[in-house]
């Protein structure tokens, strides 16, 4: 569809003769060349429709500056595999997992950037604990959550956290719904998604009650501007602090871009 629209954009300026023909666009039907403005009107409408299509397929295309894609994983696609040292599991479906929070996926960046955008769609089993409320002095260098930690640089600088807990209301493990005494690691700030585990994917923004933590920060896309331009590698860690039979976090899809 995009190719057809782009070909029309190229073809329209070369059309100089008028005959009994018409073009059907979403805005209506244009008959023959009854107006000298016809070609320009058609070109403008096709151009606008092309931009709408591109933006719906890939939100970052609306930005003027080019984005650099560092990683793209879709485990629903059988040709995709998990980046090392993560491992692939096949139950409950094809997913990426980690043996520990020390299993780090490092994405090298060969250009300076000051903005990071991405989405991570996950899954969980067992009873994950969200942000670890039992840790008195959480450190970004350690496992401070059950979920996915995204950082850059050394010492690590926080980019985004994605976590999950079935007790978001009671134990305050999802701080956007804090009703108890739980606290949020200071380095996280408001840069996180937190959602109760359920039968569907996590952090995809679907089936979210507007009053729940699931809708906080409008997942699935996160977009962070960092204060200083850098070319640091971006690190991703899948973390949990208990045995796999008790809790486990998985990644199903992931896109990471910088600008």
Protein backbone atom coordinates (compact mmCIF):
# COMPACT_ATOMS: atom_id res chain seq x y z
CA UNK A 1 0.00 0.00 0.00
CA UNK A 2 2.78 2.42 0.91
CA UNK A 3 4.60 1.59 -2.34
CA UNK A 4 1.48 2.35 -4.39
CA UNK A 5 1.05 5.71 -2.69
CA UNK A 6 4.69 6.64 -3.21
CA UNK A 7 4.50 5.67 -6.90
CA UNK A 8 1.48 7.91 -7.31
CA UNK A 9 3.39 10.80 -5.74
CA UNK A 10 6.13 10.30 -8.33
CA UNK A 11 3.67 9.85 -11.22
CA UNK A 12 1.28 12.74 -10.59
CA UNK A 13 3.68 15.62 -11.39
CA UNK A 14 4.41 14.08 -14.82
CA UNK A 15 0.74 13.93 -15.86
CA UNK A 16 -0.06 16.82 -18.21
CA UNK A 17 -2.92 15.60 -20.40
CA UNK A 18 -6.55 15.47 -19.25
CA UNK A 19 -9.14 12.93 -20.29
CA UNK A 20 -12.30 11.34 -18.93
CA UNK A 21 -10.75 9.67 -15.89
CA UNK A 22 -11.01 10.05 -12.16
CA UNK A 23 -8.98 9.30 -9.04
CA UNK A 24 -10.62 8.05 -5.86
CA UNK A 25 -9.01 9.21 -2.63
CA UNK A 26 -10.24 8.91 0.92
CA UNK A 27 -11.43 12.53 0.75
CA UNK A 28 -13.68 11.92 -2.28
CA UNK A 29 -13.71 11.50 -6.06
CA UNK A 30 -11.92 13.94 -8.38
CA UNK A 31 -13.28 13.90 -11.94
CA UNK A 32 -11.00 14.68 -14.95
CA UNK A 33 -8.93 17.88 -14.92
CA UNK A 34 -11.66 20.46 -14.58
CA UNK A 35 -9.45 22.63 -12.40
CA UNK A 36 -5.85 23.73 -12.75
CA UNK A 37 -5.46 22.96 -9.04
CA UNK A 38 -6.39 19.32 -9.47
CA UNK A 39 -2.90 17.85 -9.70
CA UNK A 40 -1.58 19.89 -6.79
CA UNK A 41 -4.60 19.03 -4.66
CA UNK A 42 -4.21 15.34 -5.41
CA UNK A 43 -0.47 15.41 -4.66
CA UNK A 44 -1.02 17.16 -1.33
CA UNK A 45 -3.71 14.74 -0.25
CA UNK A 46 -1.64 11.70 -1.21
CA UNK A 47 1.36 13.13 0.64
CA UNK A 48 -0.74 13.70 3.78
CA UNK A 49 -2.18 10.18 3.61
CA UNK A 50 1.32 8.73 3.19
CA UNK A 51 2.53 10.52 6.33
CA UNK A 52 -0.46 9.23 8.30
CA UNK A 53 0.26 5.65 7.17
CA UNK A 54 3.95 5.86 8.06
CA UNK A 55 3.28 7.38 11.48
CA UNK A 56 0.72 4.69 12.32
CA UNK A 57 3.20 1.95 11.40
CA UNK A 58 6.15 3.47 13.23
CA UNK A 59 5.57 6.35 15.67
CA UNK A 60 9.15 7.62 15.57
CA UNK A 61 8.91 8.39 11.86
CA UNK A 62 7.12 11.63 12.71
CA UNK A 63 10.40 12.96 14.18
CA UNK A 64 12.64 14.97 11.91
CA UNK A 65 15.90 13.52 13.17
CA UNK A 66 16.77 9.94 12.29
CA UNK A 67 16.48 7.21 14.94
CA UNK A 68 19.06 4.45 15.24
CA UNK A 69 17.63 1.00 15.97
CA UNK A 70 19.80 -0.94 18.41
CA UNK A 71 17.64 -4.00 18.90
CA UNK A 72 14.40 -5.51 17.65
CA UNK A 73 13.09 -8.83 18.96
CA UNK A 74 9.77 -10.49 18.24
CA UNK A 75 9.64 -14.02 19.61
CA UNK A 76 6.37 -14.65 17.77
CA UNK A 77 8.61 -14.69 14.69
CA UNK A 78 10.31 -18.08 14.49
CA UNK A 79 13.36 -16.55 12.78
CA UNK A 80 14.13 -14.36 15.84
CA UNK A 81 16.28 -15.58 18.70
CA UNK A 82 17.22 -14.26 22.13
CA UNK A 83 20.38 -12.15 22.41
CA UNK A 84 23.18 -13.75 24.41
CA UNK A 85 23.42 -14.42 27.35
CA UNK A 86 19.62 -14.61 27.58
CA UNK A 87 18.09 -17.99 26.85
CA UNK A 88 14.98 -19.00 24.96
CA UNK A 89 12.17 -20.93 26.63
CA UNK A 90 9.21 -22.47 24.83
CA UNK A 91 6.67 -22.56 27.66
CA UNK A 92 4.22 -20.88 27.96
CA UNK A 93 5.42 -19.69 24.50
CA UNK A 94 8.65 -18.65 22.77
CA UNK A 95 10.14 -16.13 25.20
CA UNK A 96 13.49 -14.77 26.33
CA UNK A 97 14.55 -15.44 29.92
CA UNK A 98 17.60 -14.88 32.08
CA UNK A 99 19.43 -17.10 34.52
CA UNK A 100 20.08 -14.15 36.84
CA UNK A 101 20.16 -10.35 37.01
CA UNK A 102 23.88 -10.61 36.21
CA UNK A 103 23.07 -11.83 32.68
CA UNK A 104 23.37 -8.52 30.86
CA UNK A 105 22.48 -7.74 27.25
CA UNK A 106 24.67 -4.80 26.20
CA UNK A 107 23.66 -2.82 23.11
CA UNK A 108 26.59 -0.91 21.61
CA UNK A 109 25.97 2.56 20.20
CA UNK A 110 28.31 3.88 17.51
CA UNK A 111 26.98 7.43 17.55
CA UNK A 112 26.25 10.10 20.16
CA UNK A 113 22.66 10.21 21.42
CA UNK A 114 20.60 12.11 23.98
CA UNK A 115 17.24 10.37 23.65
CA UNK A 116 16.20 6.75 24.14
CA UNK A 117 12.90 5.32 23.00
CA UNK A 118 11.59 1.80 23.11
CA UNK A 119 9.08 -0.77 24.17
CA UNK A 120 9.40 -4.08 25.94
CA UNK A 121 6.50 -6.55 25.98
CA UNK A 122 6.89 -9.22 28.63
CA UNK A 123 5.31 -12.04 30.55
CA UNK A 124 5.59 -13.40 34.08
CA UNK A 125 4.86 -16.53 36.06
CA UNK A 126 4.55 -17.07 39.79
CA UNK A 127 4.38 -14.18 42.28
CA UNK A 128 6.83 -11.42 41.31
CA UNK A 129 7.35 -8.64 43.86
CA UNK A 130 7.46 -5.45 41.79
CA UNK A 131 10.00 -3.06 43.27
CA UNK A 132 11.64 -4.90 46.15
CA UNK A 133 10.19 -3.34 49.28
CA UNK A 134 12.22 -5.65 51.53
CA UNK A 135 15.48 -3.99 50.41
CA UNK A 136 16.24 -1.01 52.65
CA UNK A 137 18.80 0.65 50.37
CA UNK A 138 18.12 -0.47 46.80
CA UNK A 139 20.99 -0.03 44.37
CA UNK A 140 20.82 0.31 40.61
CA UNK A 141 23.89 -1.92 40.45
CA UNK A 142 21.92 -4.79 42.00
CA UNK A 143 18.55 -6.41 41.40
CA UNK A 144 16.11 -3.81 42.73
CA UNK A 145 13.00 -5.21 41.03
CA UNK A 146 11.33 -8.25 39.56
CA UNK A 147 11.23 -7.20 35.93
CA UNK A 148 13.40 -5.52 33.32
CA UNK A 149 15.96 -2.83 34.09
CA UNK A 150 17.25 -0.57 31.29
CA UNK A 151 20.34 1.55 32.01
CA UNK A 152 23.26 3.20 30.27
CA UNK A 153 26.88 3.87 31.23
CA UNK A 154 29.10 2.91 34.16
CA UNK A 155 28.29 3.58 36.89
CA UNK A 156 24.81 2.76 35.66
CA UNK A 157 22.36 5.55 34.91
CA UNK A 158 18.68 4.66 34.98
CA UNK A 159 16.64 4.81 31.77
CA UNK A 160 13.46 2.79 32.41
CA UNK A 161 12.15 0.01 34.67
CA UNK A 162 9.39 -2.47 33.83
CA UNK A 163 8.06 -4.48 36.73
CA UNK A 164 5.06 -6.47 37.84
CA UNK A 165 3.30 -7.48 41.04
CA UNK A 166 -0.07 -9.06 41.84
CA UNK A 167 -0.13 -6.96 45.03
CA UNK A 168 0.13 -3.46 43.55
CA UNK A 169 -2.58 -2.10 45.84
CA UNK A 170 -1.79 -3.81 49.14
CA UNK A 171 1.98 -4.09 49.42
CA UNK A 172 2.65 -0.94 47.37
CA UNK A 173 4.94 -2.79 45.01
CA UNK A 174 3.61 -0.66 42.15
CA UNK A 175 4.16 2.82 43.62
CA UNK A 176 1.73 4.61 41.32
CA UNK A 177 -0.98 2.84 43.36
CA UNK A 178 0.77 3.26 46.72
CA UNK A 179 -1.62 2.79 49.64
CA UNK A 180 0.82 1.37 52.18
CA UNK A 181 4.37 2.08 53.30
CA UNK A 182 6.24 1.04 50.17
CA UNK A 183 8.85 3.29 48.63
CA UNK A 184 10.25 3.72 45.15
CA UNK A 185 14.02 3.66 44.50
CA UNK A 186 15.05 7.28 44.11
CA UNK A 187 16.99 6.64 40.91
CA UNK A 188 13.84 5.32 39.19
CA UNK A 189 11.83 8.52 39.58
CA UNK A 190 8.70 8.29 37.42
CA UNK A 191 10.41 6.33 34.64
CA UNK A 192 8.68 2.96 34.97
CA UNK A 193 5.79 0.71 33.99
CA UNK A 194 4.19 -1.58 36.56
CA UNK A 195 1.37 -4.00 35.89
CA UNK A 196 -0.32 -6.92 37.60
CA UNK A 197 0.55 -10.24 35.94
CA UNK A 198 -2.38 -11.77 34.10
CA UNK A 199 -3.06 -14.10 31.20
CA UNK A 200 -2.01 -11.51 28.62
CA UNK A 201 1.29 -9.77 27.86
CA UNK A 202 2.76 -7.22 30.27
CA UNK A 203 3.51 -3.54 29.55
CA UNK A 204 1.68 -3.53 26.21
CA UNK A 205 -0.92 -0.97 27.28
CA UNK A 206 -3.80 -3.32 26.50
CA UNK A 207 -6.72 -4.18 28.80
CA UNK A 208 -5.70 -1.47 31.27
CA UNK A 209 -8.17 -0.01 33.70
CA UNK A 210 -7.50 3.74 33.76
CA UNK A 211 -7.50 3.63 37.57
CA UNK A 212 -4.86 0.89 37.75
CA UNK A 213 -1.09 1.15 37.63
CA UNK A 214 -1.15 -0.61 34.27
CA UNK A 215 -2.06 2.68 32.55
CA UNK A 216 0.60 4.79 34.30
CA UNK A 217 2.95 6.49 31.79
CA UNK A 218 0.83 5.25 28.85
CA UNK A 219 2.62 2.03 27.81
CA UNK A 220 3.91 0.44 25.64
CA UNK A 221 6.33 3.16 24.42
CA UNK A 222 8.75 4.93 26.75
CA UNK A 223 10.73 7.98 25.67
CA UNK A 224 13.55 9.39 27.80
CA UNK A 225 15.78 12.40 27.18
CA UNK A 226 19.04 12.13 29.10
CA UNK A 227 20.77 15.29 30.37
CA UNK A 228 24.12 14.77 28.61
CA UNK A 229 24.78 13.49 25.09
CA UNK A 230 26.65 10.19 25.24
CA UNK A 231 27.60 7.12 23.24
CA UNK A 232 27.29 4.74 26.23
CA UNK A 233 26.18 1.19 25.62
CA UNK A 234 22.62 0.49 26.78
CA UNK A 235 22.18 -2.46 29.12
CA UNK A 236 19.13 -4.61 29.71
CA UNK A 237 18.76 -6.98 32.64
CA UNK A 238 15.92 -9.42 33.38
CA UNK A 239 15.81 -9.66 37.18
CA UNK A 240 14.04 -11.64 39.88
CA UNK A 241 15.22 -12.44 43.39
CA UNK A 242 13.63 -15.82 44.07
CA UNK A 243 13.65 -19.32 42.60
CA UNK A 244 12.21 -19.83 39.12
CA UNK A 245 9.35 -21.93 40.45
CA UNK A 246 8.27 -18.96 42.59
CA UNK A 247 8.64 -16.16 40.04
CA UNK A 248 10.08 -15.64 36.59
CA UNK A 249 10.14 -12.72 34.14
CA UNK A 250 10.23 -13.07 30.36
CA UNK A 251 10.56 -10.81 27.32
CA UNK A 252 8.38 -11.44 24.31
CA UNK A 253 9.07 -8.37 22.16
CA UNK A 254 11.55 -5.53 22.36
CA UNK A 255 12.55 -2.47 20.35
CA UNK A 256 15.26 -0.06 21.50
CA UNK A 257 16.15 3.12 19.55
CA UNK A 258 18.38 6.12 20.18
CA UNK A 259 18.59 9.58 18.70
